[in-house]
C-alpha atoms as a PDB file:
ATOM      1  CA  MET A   1       6.836   2.590  30.504  1.00  0.00           C
ATOM      2  CA  THR A   2       6.975  -0.437  28.209  1.00  0.00           C
ATOM      3  CA  ALA A   3       7.766  -0.696  24.505  1.00  0.00           C
ATOM      4  CA  LEU A   4       6.226  -3.202  22.103  1.00  0.00           C
ATOM      5  CA  VAL A   5       8.186  -4.353  19.049  1.00  0.00           C
ATOM      6  CA  ILE A   6       6.244  -5.945  16.211  1.00  0.00           C
ATOM      7  CA  ALA A   7       8.448  -8.801  15.025  1.00  0.00           C
ATOM      8  CA  GLU A   8       9.038  -9.422  11.347  1.00  0.00           C
ATOM      9  CA  HIS A   9       9.539 -13.132  10.756  1.00  0.00           C
ATOM     10  CA  ASP A  10       8.906 -16.050   8.415  1.00  0.00           C
ATOM     11  CA  ASN A  11       7.178 -18.138  11.132  1.00  0.00           C
ATOM     12  CA  ALA A  12      10.392 -20.127  11.632  1.00  0.00           C
ATOM     13  CA  SER A  13      12.915 -17.401  12.460  1.00  0.00           C
ATOM     14  CA  LEU A  14      13.180 -13.676  13.084  1.00  0.00           C
ATOM     15  CA  LYS A  15      14.245 -11.372  10.266  1.00  0.00           C
ATOM     16  CA  GLY A  16      17.290  -9.228  10.922  1.00  0.00           C
ATOM     17  CA  ALA A  17      15.323  -5.972  10.927  1.00  0.00           C
ATOM     18  CA  THR A  18      13.578  -7.105  14.124  1.00  0.00           C
ATOM     19  CA  LEU A  19      16.881  -7.130  16.013  1.00  0.00           C
ATOM     20  CA  ASN A  20      17.642  -3.540  14.992  1.00  0.00           C
ATOM     21  CA  THR A  21      14.141  -2.497  16.052  1.00  0.00           C
ATOM     22  CA  ILE A  22      14.568  -4.163  19.447  1.00  0.00           C
ATOM     23  CA  ALA A  23      17.822  -2.215  19.875  1.00  0.00           C
ATOM     24  CA  ALA A  24      15.906   1.030  19.247  1.00  0.00           C
ATOM     25  CA  ALA A  25      13.172  -0.004  21.697  1.00  0.00           C
ATOM     26  CA  LEU A  26      15.742  -0.648  24.418  1.00  0.00           C
ATOM     27  CA  GLN A  27      16.878   2.968  24.110  1.00  0.00           C
ATOM     28  CA  CYS A  28      13.340   4.224  24.799  1.00  0.00           C
ATOM     29  CA  GLY A  29      13.638   3.123  28.418  1.00  0.00           C
ATOM     30  CA  GLY A  30      11.590   0.568  30.318  1.00  0.00           C
ATOM     31  CA  ASP A  31      10.857  -3.044  29.404  1.00  0.00           C
ATOM     32  CA  VAL A  32      10.677  -4.339  25.852  1.00  0.00           C
ATOM     33  CA  HIS A  33       8.040  -6.832  24.761  1.00  0.00           C
ATOM     34  CA  VAL A  34       7.947  -8.480  21.329  1.00  0.00           C
ATOM     35  CA  LEU A  35       4.780  -9.494  19.494  1.00  0.00           C
ATOM     36  CA  VAL A  36       5.104 -12.539  17.236  1.00  0.00           C
ATOM     37  CA  ALA A  37       1.860 -13.032  15.292  1.00  0.00           C
ATOM     38  CA  GLY A  38       2.007 -15.927  12.853  1.00  0.00           C
ATOM     39  CA  ALA A  39       0.948 -19.446  11.881  1.00  0.00           C
ATOM     40  CA  ASN A  40       2.953 -22.275  13.468  1.00  0.00           C
ATOM     41  CA  ALA A  41       5.290 -19.536  14.626  1.00  0.00           C
ATOM     42  CA  GLY A  42       6.472 -21.165  17.846  1.00  0.00           C
ATOM     43  CA  ALA A  43      10.051 -21.271  16.559  1.00  0.00           C
ATOM     44  CA  ALA A  44      10.009 -17.550  15.779  1.00  0.00           C
ATOM     45  CA  ALA A  45       8.614 -16.808  19.252  1.00  0.00           C
ATOM     46  CA  ALA A  46      11.342 -18.954  20.834  1.00  0.00           C
ATOM     47  CA  ALA A  47      13.965 -17.073  18.806  1.00  0.00           C
ATOM     48  CA  ALA A  48      12.540 -13.755  20.014  1.00  0.00           C
ATOM     49  CA  ALA A  49      12.793 -14.966  23.612  1.00  0.00           C
ATOM     50  CA  GLN A  50      16.542 -15.487  23.106  1.00  0.00           C
ATOM     51  CA  VAL A  51      17.203 -11.865  22.095  1.00  0.00           C
ATOM     52  CA  VAL A  52      19.131  -9.953  24.728  1.00  0.00           C
ATOM     53  CA  GLY A  53      17.041  -7.224  26.365  1.00  0.00           C
ATOM     54  CA  VAL A  54      13.604  -8.674  25.648  1.00  0.00           C
ATOM     55  CA  ALA A  55      11.515  -9.023  28.809  1.00  0.00           C
ATOM     56  CA  LYS A  56       8.513 -10.861  27.346  1.00  0.00           C
ATOM     57  CA  VAL A  57       7.390 -12.397  24.059  1.00  0.00           C
ATOM     58  CA  LEU A  58       3.695 -12.322  23.147  1.00  0.00           C
ATOM     59  CA  HIS A  59       2.791 -15.128  20.749  1.00  0.00           C
ATOM     60  CA  ALA A  60      -0.488 -14.893  18.788  1.00  0.00           C
ATOM     61  CA  GLU A  61      -1.221 -17.948  16.665  1.00  0.00           C
ATOM     62  CA  GLY A  62      -3.604 -18.109  13.703  1.00  0.00           C
ATOM     63  CA  GLU A  63      -3.684 -19.137  10.045  1.00  0.00           C
ATOM     64  CA  HIS A  64      -4.799 -15.604   9.131  1.00  0.00           C
ATOM     65  CA  PHE A  65      -1.428 -14.317  10.411  1.00  0.00           C
ATOM     66  CA  ALA A  66       0.576 -16.682   8.164  1.00  0.00           C
ATOM     67  CA  HIS A  67       1.468 -14.083   5.532  1.00  0.00           C
ATOM     68  CA  GLY A  68       1.543 -10.953   7.681  1.00  0.00           C
ATOM     69  CA  LEU A  69      -1.546  -9.308   6.173  1.00  0.00           C
ATOM     70  CA  ALA A  70      -1.631  -5.750   7.478  1.00  0.00           C
ATOM     71  CA  GLU A  71      -5.339  -5.770   8.338  1.00  0.00           C
ATOM     72  CA  ASN A  72      -4.953  -8.758  10.667  1.00  0.00           C
ATOM     73  CA  ILE A  73      -1.598  -7.819  12.197  1.00  0.00           C
ATOM     74  CA  SER A  74      -2.767  -4.269  12.953  1.00  0.00           C
ATOM     75  CA  ALA A  75      -5.921  -5.625  14.632  1.00  0.00           C
ATOM     76  CA  GLN A  76      -3.778  -7.825  16.876  1.00  0.00           C
ATOM     77  CA  VAL A  77      -1.534  -4.894  17.765  1.00  0.00           C
ATOM     78  CA  LEU A  78      -4.526  -2.686  18.569  1.00  0.00           C
ATOM     79  CA  ALA A  79      -5.961  -5.370  20.852  1.00  0.00           C
ATOM     80  CA  ILE A  80      -2.989  -4.984  23.208  1.00  0.00           C
ATOM     81  CA  ALA A  81      -1.842  -1.441  22.417  1.00  0.00           C
ATOM     82  CA  SER A  82      -3.287   0.168  25.543  1.00  0.00           C
ATOM     83  CA  GLY A  83      -0.577  -1.351  27.708  1.00  0.00           C
ATOM     84  CA  TYR A  84       2.329   0.254  25.867  1.00  0.00           C
ATOM     85  CA  SER A  85       3.975   3.669  25.727  1.00  0.00           C
ATOM     86  CA  HIS A  86       5.884   2.905  22.504  1.00  0.00           C
ATOM     87  CA  ILE A  87       4.997   0.647  19.575  1.00  0.00           C
ATOM     88  CA  LEU A  88       7.868   0.078  17.161  1.00  0.00           C
ATOM     89  CA  PHE A  89       7.980  -1.441  13.690  1.00  0.00           C
ATOM     90  CA  PRO A  90      10.937  -1.969  11.343  1.00  0.00           C
ATOM     91  CA  ALA A  91      10.789   0.579   8.487  1.00  0.00           C
ATOM     92  CA  THR A  92      10.396  -2.229   5.958  1.00  0.00           C
ATOM     93  CA  ALA A  93       7.630  -2.831   3.438  1.00  0.00           C
ATOM     94  CA  SER A  94       5.759  -4.824   6.081  1.00  0.00           C
ATOM     95  CA  GLY A  95       6.273  -2.347   8.910  1.00  0.00           C
ATOM     96  CA  LYS A  96       5.303   0.611   6.724  1.00  0.00           C
ATOM     97  CA  ASN A  97       2.109  -1.238   5.821  1.00  0.00           C
ATOM     98  CA  VAL A  98       0.977  -1.935   9.388  1.00  0.00           C
ATOM     99  CA  ALA A  99       2.237   1.068  11.404  1.00  0.00           C
ATOM    100  CA  PRO A 100       0.043   3.768   9.785  1.00  0.00           C
ATOM    101  CA  ARG A 101      -3.087   1.683  10.409  1.00  0.00           C
ATOM    102  CA  VAL A 102      -2.187   1.371  14.083  1.00  0.00           C
ATOM    103  CA  ALA A 103      -1.367   5.088  14.432  1.00  0.00           C
ATOM    104  CA  ALA A 104      -4.598   6.124  12.692  1.00  0.00           C
ATOM    105  CA  LYS A 105      -6.753   3.873  14.884  1.00  0.00           C
ATOM    106  CA  LEU A 106      -5.015   5.166  18.016  1.00  0.00           C
ATOM    107  CA  ASP A 107      -5.422   8.738  16.727  1.00  0.00           C
ATOM    108  CA  VAL A 108      -1.733   9.536  17.235  1.00  0.00           C
ATOM    109  CA  GLY A 109       0.972  10.834  14.935  1.00  0.00           C
ATOM    110  CA  GLN A 110       3.376   8.285  13.494  1.00  0.00           C
ATOM    111  CA  ILE A 111       7.075   9.126  13.614  1.00  0.00           C
ATOM    112  CA  SER A 112       8.693   7.453  10.620  1.00  0.00           C
ATOM    113  CA  ASP A 113      12.212   6.248   9.906  1.00  0.00           C
ATOM    114  CA  ILE A 114      13.800   7.132  13.246  1.00  0.00           C
ATOM    115  CA  THR A 115      17.596   6.853  13.301  1.00  0.00           C
ATOM    116  CA  LYS A 116      18.240   7.887  16.905  1.00  0.00           C
ATOM    117  CA  VAL A 117      16.431   7.945  20.250  1.00  0.00           C
ATOM    118  CA  ASP A 118      17.274  11.119  22.182  1.00  0.00           C
ATOM    119  CA  SER A 119      14.829  10.402  25.006  1.00  0.00           C
ATOM    120  CA  ALA A 120      11.567   8.578  25.604  1.00  0.00           C
ATOM    121  CA  ASP A 121       9.612  11.254  23.718  1.00  0.00           C
ATOM    122  CA  THR A 122      12.237  12.720  21.364  1.00  0.00           C
ATOM    123  CA  PHE A 123      13.572  11.091  18.220  1.00  0.00           C
ATOM    124  CA  GLU A 124      15.702  11.953  15.202  1.00  0.00           C
ATOM    125  CA  ARG A 125      14.789  11.139  11.620  1.00  0.00           C
ATOM    126  CA  PRO A 126      16.232  12.101   8.219  1.00  0.00           C
ATOM    127  CA  ILE A 127      14.398  14.520   5.925  1.00  0.00           C
ATOM    128  CA  TYR A 128      15.193  15.943   2.476  1.00  0.00           C
ATOM    129  CA  ALA A 129      16.758  12.648   1.372  1.00  0.00           C
ATOM    130  CA  GLY A 130      18.998  12.610   4.434  1.00  0.00           C
ATOM    131  CA  ASN A 131      20.405  16.101   3.898  1.00  0.00           C
ATOM    132  CA  ALA A 132      18.872  17.288   7.153  1.00  0.00           C
ATOM    133  CA  ILE A 133      17.979  15.578  10.420  1.00  0.00           C
ATOM    134  CA  ALA A 134      14.718  16.515  12.114  1.00  0.00           C
ATOM    135  CA  THR A 135      14.392  16.204  15.883  1.00  0.00           C
ATOM    136  CA  VAL A 136      10.787  15.281  16.664  1.00  0.00           C
ATOM    137  CA  LYS A 137       9.224  15.489  20.118  1.00  0.00           C
ATOM    138  CA  SER A 138       5.933  13.657  20.590  1.00  0.00           C
ATOM    139  CA  LYS A 139       3.319  14.479  23.213  1.00  0.00           C
ATOM    140  CA  ASP A 140       1.138  11.510  22.261  1.00  0.00           C
ATOM    141  CA  ALA A 141       0.406   9.012  25.019  1.00  0.00           C
ATOM    142  CA  THR A 142       1.441   6.197  22.677  1.00  0.00           C
ATOM    143  CA  LYS A 143       4.378   6.712  20.337  1.00  0.00           C
ATOM    144  CA  VAL A 144       4.067   4.779  17.081  1.00  0.00           C
ATOM    145  CA  LEU A 145       7.503   4.568  15.448  1.00  0.00           C
ATOM    146  CA  THR A 146       9.077   2.976  12.423  1.00  0.00           C
ATOM    147  CA  VAL A 147      12.796   2.322  12.786  1.00  0.00           C
ATOM    148  CA  ARG A 148      15.348   2.809  10.013  1.00  0.00           C
ATOM    149  CA  THR A 149      17.295  -0.334  10.721  1.00  0.00           C
ATOM    150  CA  THR A 150      20.618   1.030   9.442  1.00  0.00           C
ATOM    151  CA  GLY A 151      20.554   3.566  12.291  1.00  0.00           C
ATOM    152  CA  PHE A 152      20.829   0.962  15.062  1.00  0.00           C
ATOM    153  CA  ASP A 153      23.207  -1.926  15.647  1.00  0.00           C
ATOM    154  CA  PRO A 154      21.214  -5.169  16.056  1.00  0.00           C
ATOM    155  CA  ALA A 155      20.504  -6.546  19.504  1.00  0.00           C
ATOM    156  CA  ALA A 156      22.299  -9.807  20.280  1.00  0.00           C
ATOM    157  CA  ALA A 157      20.211 -12.710  18.975  1.00  0.00           C
ATOM    158  CA  THR A 158      21.236 -15.099  21.751  1.00  0.00           C
ATOM    159  CA  GLY A 159      21.796 -14.803  25.458  1.00  0.00           C
ATOM    160  CA  GLY A 160      18.345 -13.656  26.541  1.00  0.00           C
ATOM    161  CA  SER A 161      15.748 -15.665  28.430  1.00  0.00           C
ATOM    162  CA  ALA A 162      12.382 -13.966  28.070  1.00  0.00           C
ATOM    163  CA  ALA A 163       9.108 -15.643  28.979  1.00  0.00           C
ATOM    164  CA  VAL A 164       6.768 -16.534  26.112  1.00  0.00           C
ATOM    165  CA  GLU A 165       3.118 -15.716  26.739  1.00  0.00           C
ATOM    166  CA  THR A 166       0.356 -17.017  24.476  1.00  0.00           C
ATOM    167  CA  LEU A 167      -2.175 -14.391  23.422  1.00  0.00           C
ATOM    168  CA  ALA A 168      -5.757 -14.886  22.343  1.00  0.00           C
ATOM    169  CA  ALA A 169      -5.630 -14.198  18.615  1.00  0.00           C
ATOM    170  CA  VAL A 170      -8.043 -11.671  17.146  1.00  0.00           C
ATOM    171  CA  ALA A 171     -10.406 -12.973  14.485  1.00  0.00           C
ATOM    172  CA  ASP A 172      -9.626 -12.767  10.774  1.00  0.00           C
ATOM    173  CA  SER A 173     -10.718  -9.322   9.573  1.00  0.00           C
ATOM    174  CA  GLY A 174     -11.930 -10.770   6.283  1.00  0.00           C
ATOM    175  CA  LYS A 175     -10.810  -7.588   4.513  1.00  0.00           C
ATOM    176  CA  SER A 176      -7.967  -9.170   2.558  1.00  0.00           C
ATOM    177  CA  SER A 177      -6.630 -12.572   1.621  1.00  0.00           C
ATOM    178  CA  PHE A 178      -3.292 -13.913   0.478  1.00  0.00           C
ATOM    179  CA  GLN A 179      -3.365 -14.976  -3.170  1.00  0.00           C
ATOM    180  CA  GLY A 180       0.243 -15.911  -3.857  1.00  0.00           C
ATOM    181  CA  SER A 181       3.767 -14.619  -4.191  1.00  0.00           C
ATOM    182  CA  GLU A 182       6.535 -14.624  -6.754  1.00  0.00           C
ATOM    183  CA  ILE A 183       9.884 -14.681  -5.030  1.00  0.00           C
ATOM    184  CA  ALA A 184      13.053 -13.865  -6.942  1.00  0.00           C
ATOM    185  CA  LYS A 185      15.585 -16.667  -6.539  1.00  0.00           C
ATOM    186  CA  ASN A 186      19.066 -15.430  -5.743  1.00  0.00           C
ATOM    187  CA  ASP A 187      22.174 -17.303  -4.632  1.00  0.00           C
ATOM    188  CA  ARG A 188      23.735 -14.103  -3.328  1.00  0.00           C
ATOM    189  CA  PRO A 189      23.215 -12.565   0.121  1.00  0.00           C
ATOM    190  CA  GLU A 190      20.002 -10.573   0.609  1.00  0.00           C
ATOM    191  CA  LEU A 191      20.736  -6.944  -0.230  1.00  0.00           C
ATOM    192  CA  THR A 192      19.683  -5.319   3.047  1.00  0.00           C
ATOM    193  CA  ALA A 193      21.542  -7.934   5.130  1.00  0.00           C
ATOM    194  CA  ALA A 194      24.740  -8.234   3.058  1.00  0.00           C
ATOM    195  CA  LYS A 195      28.086  -7.259   4.566  1.00  0.00           C
ATOM    196  CA  ILE A 196      29.528  -6.390   1.144  1.00  0.00           C
ATOM    197  CA  ILE A 197      27.601  -4.808  -1.738  1.00  0.00           C
ATOM    198  CA  VAL A 198      28.852  -4.176  -5.266  1.00  0.00           C
ATOM    199  CA  SER A 199      26.694  -1.627  -7.123  1.00  0.00           C
ATOM    200  CA  GLY A 200      26.703  -0.498 -10.725  1.00  0.00           C
ATOM    201  CA  GLY A 201      25.276   2.554 -12.430  1.00  0.00           C
ATOM    202  CA  ARG A 202      23.978   3.661 -15.812  1.00  0.00           C
ATOM    203  CA  ALA A 203      27.563   4.151 -17.052  1.00  0.00           C
ATOM    204  CA  LEU A 204      27.751   0.378 -17.585  1.00  0.00           C
ATOM    205  CA  GLY A 205      25.630   0.902 -20.697  1.00  0.00           C
ATOM    206  CA  SER A 206      23.762  -2.394 -21.021  1.00  0.00           C
ATOM    207  CA  THR A 207      22.541  -5.455 -19.148  1.00  0.00           C
ATOM    208  CA  GLU A 208      25.283  -7.543 -20.754  1.00  0.00           C
ATOM    209  CA  LYS A 209      28.042  -5.149 -19.689  1.00  0.00           C
ATOM    210  CA  PHE A 210      26.547  -4.823 -16.206  1.00  0.00           C
ATOM    211  CA  MET A 211      26.734  -8.581 -15.694  1.00  0.00           C
ATOM    212  CA  GLU A 212      30.075  -8.981 -17.484  1.00  0.00           C
ATOM    213  CA  VAL A 213      31.847  -6.321 -15.415  1.00  0.00           C
ATOM    214  CA  MET A 214      30.147  -6.460 -12.009  1.00  0.00           C
ATOM    215  CA  THR A 215      29.424 -10.176 -11.530  1.00  0.00           C
ATOM    216  CA  PRO A 216      33.091 -11.321 -11.307  1.00  0.00           C
ATOM    217  CA  LEU A 217      33.776  -8.694  -8.646  1.00  0.00           C
ATOM    218  CA  ALA A 218      30.714  -9.741  -6.628  1.00  0.00           C
ATOM    219  CA  ASP A 219      31.729 -13.404  -6.971  1.00  0.00           C
ATOM    220  CA  LYS A 220      35.262 -12.690  -5.722  1.00  0.00           C
ATOM    221  CA  LEU A 221      33.992 -10.799  -2.679  1.00  0.00           C
ATOM    222  CA  GLY A 222      30.939 -12.966  -1.933  1.00  0.00           C
ATOM    223  CA  ALA A 223      28.924  -9.771  -2.242  1.00  0.00           C
ATOM    224  CA  ALA A 224      25.327  -8.874  -2.947  1.00  0.00           C
ATOM    225  CA  MET A 225      24.707  -6.923  -6.136  1.00  0.00           C
ATOM    226  CA  GLY A 226      23.041  -3.512  -6.194  1.00  0.00           C
ATOM    227  CA  ALA A 227      22.270  -0.827  -8.729  1.00  0.00           C
ATOM    228  CA  SER A 228      21.389   2.832  -8.977  1.00  0.00           C
ATOM    229  CA  ARG A 229      17.878   3.837  -9.944  1.00  0.00           C
ATOM    230  CA  ALA A 230      19.177   5.046 -13.301  1.00  0.00           C
ATOM    231  CA  ALA A 231      20.557   1.577 -14.047  1.00  0.00           C
ATOM    232  CA  VAL A 232      17.322  -0.094 -12.969  1.00  0.00           C
ATOM    233  CA  ASP A 233      15.175   2.337 -14.988  1.00  0.00           C
ATOM    234  CA  ALA A 234      17.362   1.672 -18.032  1.00  0.00           C
ATOM    235  CA  GLY A 235      16.707  -2.061 -17.611  1.00  0.00           C
ATOM    236  CA  TYR A 236      20.301  -3.025 -16.816  1.00  0.00           C
ATOM    237  CA  ALA A 237      19.435  -4.526 -13.413  1.00  0.00           C
ATOM    238  CA  PRO A 238      16.276  -5.897 -11.721  1.00  0.00           C
ATOM    239  CA  ASN A 239      14.125  -3.734  -9.443  1.00  0.00           C
ATOM    240  CA  ASP A 240      15.049  -5.622  -6.289  1.00  0.00           C
ATOM    241  CA  TRP A 241      18.688  -4.542  -6.713  1.00  0.00           C
ATOM    242  CA  GLN A 242      17.866  -0.839  -6.485  1.00  0.00           C
ATOM    243  CA  VAL A 243      19.642   1.037  -3.695  1.00  0.00           C
ATOM    244  CA  GLY A 244      18.447   4.498  -2.700  1.00  0.00           C
ATOM    245  CA  GLN A 245      15.618   6.573  -1.342  1.00  0.00           C
ATOM    246  CA  THR A 246      13.083   4.825  -3.604  1.00  0.00           C
ATOM    247  CA  GLY A 247      14.865   1.462  -3.339  1.00  0.00           C
ATOM    248  CA  LYS A 248      16.547  -0.282  -0.433  1.00  0.00           C
ATOM    249  CA  ILE A 249      18.358   1.419   2.423  1.00  0.00           C
ATOM    250  CA  VAL A 250      21.607  -0.419   3.114  1.00  0.00           C
ATOM    251  CA  ALA A 251      24.569  -0.089   5.471  1.00  0.00           C
ATOM    252  CA  PRO A 252      27.068  -2.860   4.709  1.00  0.00           C
ATOM    253  CA  GLN A 253      30.628  -3.085   5.958  1.00  0.00           C
ATOM    254  CA  LEU A 254      31.844  -2.369   2.401  1.00  0.00           C
ATOM    255  CA  TYR A 255      29.971  -0.654  -0.453  1.00  0.00           C
ATOM    256  CA  ILE A 256      31.617  -0.478  -3.880  1.00  0.00           C
ATOM    257  CA  ALA A 257      29.965   1.922  -6.355  1.00  0.00           C
ATOM    258  CA  ALA A 258      31.124   1.635  -9.960  1.00  0.00           C
ATOM    259  CA  GLY A 259      29.857   4.079 -12.557  1.00  0.00           C
ATOM    260  CA  ILE A 260      27.431   5.678 -10.104  1.00  0.00           C
ATOM    261  CA  SER A 261      27.527   9.484 -10.109  1.00  0.00           C
ATOM    262  CA  GLY A 262      25.890   9.718  -6.689  1.00  0.00           C
ATOM    263  CA  ALA A 263      22.531  11.424  -7.081  1.00  0.00           C
ATOM    264  CA  ILE A 264      21.122  12.588  -3.762  1.00  0.00           C
ATOM    265  CA  GLN A 265      18.487   9.820  -3.796  1.00  0.00           C
ATOM    266  CA  HIS A 266      21.164   7.138  -4.155  1.00  0.00           C
ATOM    267  CA  LEU A 267      23.347   8.609  -1.416  1.00  0.00           C
ATOM    268  CA  ALA A 268      20.360   8.568   0.937  1.00  0.00           C
ATOM    269  CA  GLY A 269      20.234   4.796   0.602  1.00  0.00           C
ATOM    270  CA  MET A 270      23.892   3.916   1.188  1.00  0.00           C
ATOM    271  CA  LYS A 271      25.805   6.681   2.924  1.00  0.00           C
ATOM    272  CA  ASP A 272      25.634   4.885   6.297  1.00  0.00           C
ATOM    273  CA  SER A 273      27.880   2.132   4.881  1.00  0.00           C
ATOM    274  CA  LYS A 274      30.992   1.617   7.005  1.00  0.00           C
ATOM    275  CA  VAL A 275      33.462   1.885   4.071  1.00  0.00           C
ATOM    276  CA  ILE A 276      32.490   3.345   0.682  1.00  0.00           C
ATOM    277  CA  VAL A 277      34.626   2.828  -2.421  1.00  0.00           C
ATOM    278  CA  ALA A 278      33.758   4.849  -5.549  1.00  0.00           C
ATOM    279  CA  ILE A 279      35.029   4.225  -9.077  1.00  0.00           C
ATOM    280  CA  ASN A 280      34.100   6.960 -11.555  1.00  0.00           C
ATOM    281  CA  LYS A 281      35.906   8.766 -14.349  1.00  0.00           C
ATOM    282  CA  ASP A 282      34.187  12.089 -13.531  1.00  0.00           C
ATOM    283  CA  PRO A 283      36.241  13.862 -10.830  1.00  0.00           C
ATOM    284  CA  GLU A 284      33.215  16.048 -10.011  1.00  0.00           C
ATOM    285  CA  ALA A 285      30.873  13.096  -9.336  1.00  0.00           C
ATOM    286  CA  PRO A 286      28.982  13.646  -6.041  1.00  0.00           C
ATOM    287  CA  ILE A 287      29.696  10.053  -4.989  1.00  0.00           C
ATOM    288  CA  PHE A 288      33.261  11.127  -4.146  1.00  0.00           C
ATOM    289  CA  SER A 289      31.895  13.439  -1.421  1.00  0.00           C
ATOM    290  CA  VAL A 290      30.819  10.449   0.699  1.00  0.00           C
ATOM    291  CA  ALA A 291      33.463   7.931  -0.410  1.00  0.00           C
ATOM    292  CA  ASP A 292      36.207   6.779   1.945  1.00  0.00           C
ATOM    293  CA  TYR A 293      38.246   5.701  -1.080  1.00  0.00           C
ATOM    294  CA  GLY A 294      37.792   7.190  -4.547  1.00  0.00           C
ATOM    295  CA  LEU A 295      39.328   6.047  -7.816  1.00  0.00           C
ATOM    296  CA  GLU A 296      39.066   8.400 -10.790  1.00  0.00           C
ATOM    297  CA  ALA A 297      39.197   5.836 -13.576  1.00  0.00           C
ATOM    298  CA  ASP A 298      37.278   4.121 -16.361  1.00  0.00           C
ATOM    299  CA  LEU A 299      35.315   1.364 -14.638  1.00  0.00           C
ATOM    300  CA  PHE A 300      35.691  -0.934 -17.663  1.00  0.00           C
ATOM    301  CA  VAL A 301      39.436  -0.923 -16.995  1.00  0.00           C
ATOM    302  CA  ALA A 302      39.531  -0.519 -13.217  1.00  0.00           C
ATOM    303  CA  VAL A 303      36.997  -3.190 -12.196  1.00  0.00           C
ATOM    304  CA  PRO A 304      38.587  -6.052 -14.202  1.00  0.00           C
ATOM    305  CA  GLU A 305      41.999  -5.008 -12.828  1.00  0.00           C
ATOM    306  CA  LEU A 306      40.575  -5.081  -9.314  1.00  0.00           C
ATOM    307  CA  VAL A 307      39.135  -8.548  -9.928  1.00  0.00           C
ATOM    308  CA  ALA A 308      42.499  -9.741 -11.251  1.00  0.00           C
ATOM    309  CA  ALA A 309      44.278  -8.312  -8.196  1.00  0.00           C
ATOM    310  CA  LEU A 310      41.868 -10.071  -5.820  1.00  0.00           C
END
């Protein structure tokens, strides 16, 4: 029984979600292999070989893998899939793009967003926005899984010594091509990898107030900035700051929610945070039900006072 993890990387280094996915694969039992498909991705393959618990790294090299196009990555996975009992992807935009193609071609059911491995064929995953946990047992010969990275502590990035094996790369599918990307520039930590997140809600009232109140707090703490969907929909914060079921799933060491009532969709995206601090003037706000520390106060007064105290 061997598990295959599809690495997410930038051709030079592994992305953090890969380490969480490797941790999940190790719990499935048996050896863990990692597939690194990329262009000039030798450094990423070498990094994968250093991860504790990895038995072998499979390196497929080709220009058509440079940007992780799902059609080409899935073809490479399918070329070697027969040797594996489990194929695991991070539950990221990339993983969610490739995994269903692999599952469909293998004619097996995909198990999405797993948060716990009970046994080699039984997994837990959240449903109903995290209000219930489903235990799913799969009888498929090959289990195709996406891993909710907040559910697993990352495997150690150094200390391993896996062999790196070069694979024959599959040909370019020709079904898609990379045209370009627009990447938001941000001096702050990446939201899903940040240890501290400061989030604001619709109660802030405007883009100007959002920045005026929340930015000093984030600067003091060296935090990433997040927002509720309501704040994003109102135009107070950019889309890539959205935390929640339809945004980003996060689990930082500290999550500060100011002016966020705590709709079920938002809670689904942040309730695995280690420490949750809520500031809201509504004592009935649902956010207080998951908060470790709650302050019933006007955020326009409380947040500047907190900044001053820091």
